[in-house]
Amino acid sequence: MSARRPPRRPRRRPAPALAALLLACAAASGCGLVGSAPRRGGVLPPAQASYTLGPGDRFEMVIVGEEKLPKEFTVAPDGTVDLPWIGRQKVDGLEPQEVSTLVAGELVKQQYLREPSVVVNVKEFGSKRVLVGGQVNKPGDMPYSPGLSLNQLISKAGGFTQSANRNNVLVTRKLRDGTTKTVSFSVDAISEGRSPDVPLQAGDSIYVDERSF
């Protein structure tokens, strides 16, 4: 008699939450989870800071000596913003320092101030997003803000669900050559001070895996 072959194990289907995130990533030109090889304990390339303004971004502008003027502004869909005294200006694609220079120049040109000092700070990037999915209470895409970290993003997403694997949180980042890299992090280790927090950049995708029961 021939020996019986052991039955084949059924292939595990991806969890619905993962499938939903993959579909969302595909709609947003891909987040890199498909075809990536997550490496536990790997190192992500340093987060690339991008501070250029775009539609939906909120920033604070202070003209020194004129503190009674409005301070917070939101870039309109056409990339412009209506500013005190100098009217509507195109700021799409400019960095905060370039906006400061533009406003100061217009204040002089329009003869409002001789030597204005203008300070611009970005409050929130509505035009730059990060995607979070999996075992969090509020999955979806969220606005990127300067200095955003992995731990902070999890908090913004309502924290972990009861099924979350806090030691397997995947961060996918697009590299300059167009490829992506996915690395697994332990948020427990970050929260307990055993590992440093992970700085995020605009366009990052985060997926919280599910615990095995």
Protein backbone atom coordinates (compact mmCIF):
# COMPACT_ATOMS: atom_id res chain seq x y z
CA MET A 1 0.00 0.00 0.00
CA SER A 2 1.23 3.46 -0.84
CA ALA A 3 1.59 5.94 2.00
CA ARG A 4 -1.06 8.58 2.14
CA ARG A 5 0.06 12.10 1.40
CA PRO A 6 -0.63 14.62 4.18
CA PRO A 7 -3.54 16.89 3.32
CA ARG A 8 -2.57 20.29 1.95
CA ARG A 9 -3.11 23.20 4.25
CA PRO A 10 -5.65 25.69 2.93
CA ARG A 11 -4.17 29.02 1.91
CA ARG A 12 -5.00 31.84 4.26
CA ARG A 13 -6.99 34.59 2.70
CA PRO A 14 -6.01 38.18 3.53
CA ALA A 15 -8.00 39.72 6.34
CA PRO A 16 -10.82 42.01 5.15
CA ALA A 17 -9.12 45.02 6.73
CA LEU A 18 -5.93 44.32 4.80
CA ALA A 19 -7.86 43.84 1.57
CA ALA A 20 -9.62 47.16 2.12
CA LEU A 21 -6.33 48.95 2.71
CA LEU A 22 -4.77 47.40 -0.39
CA LEU A 23 -7.71 48.59 -2.48
CA ALA A 24 -7.37 52.07 -1.01
CA CYS A 25 -3.65 52.03 -1.74
CA ALA A 26 -4.27 51.01 -5.34
CA ALA A 27 -6.70 53.89 -5.75
CA ALA A 28 -4.02 56.24 -4.45
CA SER A 29 -1.35 55.00 -6.90
CA GLY A 30 -0.21 52.19 -4.59
CA CYS A 31 1.15 52.19 -1.08
CA GLY A 32 3.75 49.51 -1.64
CA LEU A 33 2.25 46.76 0.54
CA VAL A 34 1.69 44.57 -2.51
CA GLY A 35 4.91 42.89 -3.52
CA SER A 36 6.89 44.36 -0.63
CA ALA A 37 8.80 42.15 1.77
CA PRO A 38 8.33 43.50 5.31
CA ARG A 39 11.47 43.08 7.37
CA ARG A 40 11.09 43.08 11.14
CA GLY A 41 13.54 45.47 12.72
CA GLY A 42 14.65 46.97 9.40
CA VAL A 43 15.49 50.61 8.91
CA LEU A 44 13.40 52.98 6.85
CA PRO A 45 15.12 55.68 4.81
CA PRO A 46 15.02 59.00 6.69
CA ALA A 47 11.74 60.89 6.36
CA GLN A 48 12.00 63.55 3.67
CA ALA A 49 10.60 66.86 4.85
CA SER A 50 8.34 68.53 2.30
CA TYR A 51 7.03 71.91 3.35
CA THR A 52 5.68 73.28 0.08
CA LEU A 53 2.13 74.57 0.42
CA GLY A 54 -0.85 73.29 -1.53
CA PRO A 55 -4.66 73.47 -1.55
CA GLY A 56 -6.18 72.73 1.84
CA ASP A 57 -3.05 73.55 3.85
CA ARG A 58 -3.44 75.69 6.98
CA PHE A 59 -0.72 78.09 8.02
CA GLU A 60 -0.16 80.85 10.52
CA MET A 61 1.24 84.19 9.38
CA VAL A 62 2.35 86.93 11.74
CA ILE A 63 3.37 90.40 10.58
CA VAL A 64 5.53 91.63 13.45
CA GLY A 65 4.03 94.74 14.98
CA GLU A 66 0.61 94.04 13.44
CA GLU A 67 -0.58 91.30 15.79
CA LYS A 68 -4.25 92.36 15.54
CA LEU A 69 -4.47 91.16 11.94
CA PRO A 70 -5.86 87.65 11.16
CA LYS A 71 -3.23 84.99 11.74
CA GLU A 72 -4.56 81.69 10.36
CA PHE A 73 -5.19 81.04 6.68
CA THR A 74 -6.19 78.11 4.46
CA VAL A 75 -4.97 77.71 0.88
CA ALA A 76 -7.90 77.71 -1.57
CA PRO A 77 -8.42 74.95 -4.18
CA ASP A 78 -6.81 77.19 -6.83
CA GLY A 79 -3.64 77.50 -4.72
CA THR A 80 -4.25 81.09 -3.62
CA VAL A 81 -4.92 82.72 -0.27
CA ASP A 82 -6.53 86.05 0.59
CA LEU A 83 -4.12 87.97 2.83
CA PRO A 84 -4.54 91.21 4.81
CA TRP A 85 -3.79 94.41 2.87
CA ILE A 86 -2.15 92.75 -0.14
CA GLY A 87 -5.14 90.67 -1.28
CA ARG A 88 -5.14 87.29 -2.99
CA GLN A 89 -1.73 85.75 -3.62
CA LYS A 90 -0.60 82.51 -5.28
CA VAL A 91 1.22 80.36 -2.71
CA ASP A 92 0.86 76.87 -4.23
CA GLY A 93 4.28 75.21 -4.41
CA LEU A 94 5.97 77.75 -2.11
CA GLU A 95 7.69 76.94 1.17
CA PRO A 96 6.87 78.98 4.31
CA GLN A 97 10.01 81.13 3.97
CA GLU A 98 9.14 81.88 0.35
CA VAL A 99 5.65 82.95 1.42
CA SER A 100 7.24 85.25 4.01
CA THR A 101 9.42 86.81 1.31
CA LEU A 102 6.45 87.18 -1.06
CA VAL A 103 4.27 88.89 1.57
CA ALA A 104 7.05 91.19 2.77
CA GLY A 105 7.78 92.22 -0.81
CA GLU A 106 4.12 92.99 -1.52
CA LEU A 107 3.79 95.01 1.69
CA VAL A 108 6.71 97.19 0.56
CA LYS A 109 5.55 97.34 -3.05
CA GLN A 110 2.06 98.42 -2.06
CA GLN A 111 3.53 100.91 0.43
CA TYR A 112 1.99 99.51 3.60
CA LEU A 113 5.25 98.93 5.49
CA ARG A 114 8.87 99.92 4.84
CA GLU A 115 10.75 97.01 6.44
CA PRO A 116 8.17 94.33 7.30
CA SER A 117 9.06 91.20 9.24
CA VAL A 118 6.79 88.29 8.31
CA VAL A 119 6.79 84.87 9.98
CA VAL A 120 4.93 81.90 8.42
CA ASN A 121 4.45 78.52 10.10
CA VAL A 122 2.51 75.57 8.68
CA LYS A 123 -0.18 74.23 11.03
CA GLU A 124 -1.48 71.33 8.96
CA PHE A 125 -0.89 69.95 5.46
CA GLY A 126 -4.31 69.22 3.98
CA SER A 127 -2.67 68.58 0.61
CA LYS A 128 -0.28 65.97 2.06
CA ARG A 129 -1.74 62.79 3.53
CA VAL A 130 -0.79 59.60 5.32
CA LEU A 131 -2.82 56.38 5.11
CA VAL A 132 -3.53 54.14 8.11
CA GLY A 133 -5.47 50.87 8.06
CA GLY A 134 -5.85 47.52 9.71
CA GLN A 135 -6.55 47.16 13.42
CA VAL A 136 -7.14 50.80 14.38
CA ASN A 137 -10.42 52.33 15.44
CA LYS A 138 -10.48 55.07 12.79
CA PRO A 139 -8.75 53.84 9.61
CA GLY A 140 -8.41 56.10 6.59
CA ASP A 141 -6.25 58.84 5.16
CA MET A 142 -5.27 61.71 7.43
CA PRO A 143 -3.63 65.09 6.91
CA TYR A 144 0.10 65.17 7.44
CA SER A 145 1.50 67.70 9.90
CA PRO A 146 5.17 68.62 10.44
CA GLY A 147 6.84 66.31 12.96
CA LEU A 148 4.15 63.62 12.78
CA SER A 149 5.36 60.31 14.21
CA LEU A 150 4.06 56.74 14.13
CA ASN A 151 2.89 56.82 17.74
CA GLN A 152 1.08 60.12 17.18
CA LEU A 153 -0.63 58.78 14.05
CA ILE A 154 -1.93 55.72 15.91
CA SER A 155 -3.39 58.07 18.51
CA LYS A 156 -5.03 60.20 15.79
CA ALA A 157 -6.51 57.00 14.35
CA GLY A 158 -8.32 56.32 17.64
CA GLY A 159 -5.78 53.85 18.98
CA PHE A 160 -5.59 50.11 18.48
CA THR A 161 -8.49 47.68 18.37
CA GLN A 162 -8.52 44.72 20.76
CA SER A 163 -7.34 42.49 17.91
CA ALA A 164 -4.30 44.61 17.03
CA ASN A 165 -0.82 43.18 16.97
CA ARG A 166 0.98 46.14 18.51
CA ASN A 167 4.32 44.51 17.77
CA ASN A 168 3.74 44.27 14.02
CA VAL A 169 2.89 47.70 12.63
CA LEU A 170 3.96 48.02 9.00
CA VAL A 171 5.19 51.32 7.60
CA THR A 172 5.53 51.57 3.83
CA ARG A 173 7.50 54.44 2.30
CA LYS A 174 8.01 55.40 -1.32
CA LEU A 175 11.67 55.89 -2.20
CA ARG A 176 13.16 58.44 -4.57
CA ASP A 177 13.65 55.83 -7.30
CA GLY A 178 9.92 55.06 -7.29
CA THR A 179 10.18 51.77 -5.39
CA THR A 180 8.79 51.18 -1.91
CA LYS A 181 10.11 49.72 1.31
CA THR A 182 8.02 48.19 4.10
CA VAL A 183 9.36 47.73 7.63
CA SER A 184 7.68 46.34 10.74
CA PHE A 185 7.82 48.23 14.05
CA SER A 186 6.72 47.50 17.60
CA VAL A 187 4.62 50.36 18.94
CA ASP A 188 4.77 48.74 22.38
CA ALA A 189 8.55 49.11 22.30
CA ILE A 190 8.17 52.76 21.25
CA SER A 191 5.61 53.52 23.98
CA GLU A 192 7.80 51.86 26.62
CA GLY A 193 10.88 53.82 25.55
CA ARG A 194 12.77 50.76 24.31
CA SER A 195 12.77 52.01 20.71
CA PRO A 196 12.68 55.51 19.25
CA ASP A 197 9.49 56.77 17.64
CA VAL A 198 9.32 56.68 13.84
CA PRO A 199 9.14 60.04 12.01
CA LEU A 200 6.64 59.88 9.16
CA GLN A 201 6.60 61.68 5.85
CA ALA A 202 3.77 62.64 3.53
CA GLY A 203 2.60 59.67 1.48
CA ASP A 204 3.52 57.00 4.06
CA SER A 205 1.13 54.08 4.51
CA ILE A 206 0.68 52.34 7.86
CA TYR A 207 -0.98 48.97 8.40
CA VAL A 208 -1.63 47.46 11.84
CA ASP A 209 -1.60 43.68 11.66
CA GLU A 210 -4.03 41.40 13.51
CA ARG A 211 -2.95 39.18 16.41
CA SER A 212 -2.95 35.42 15.89
CA PHE A 213 -5.27 33.66 18.30
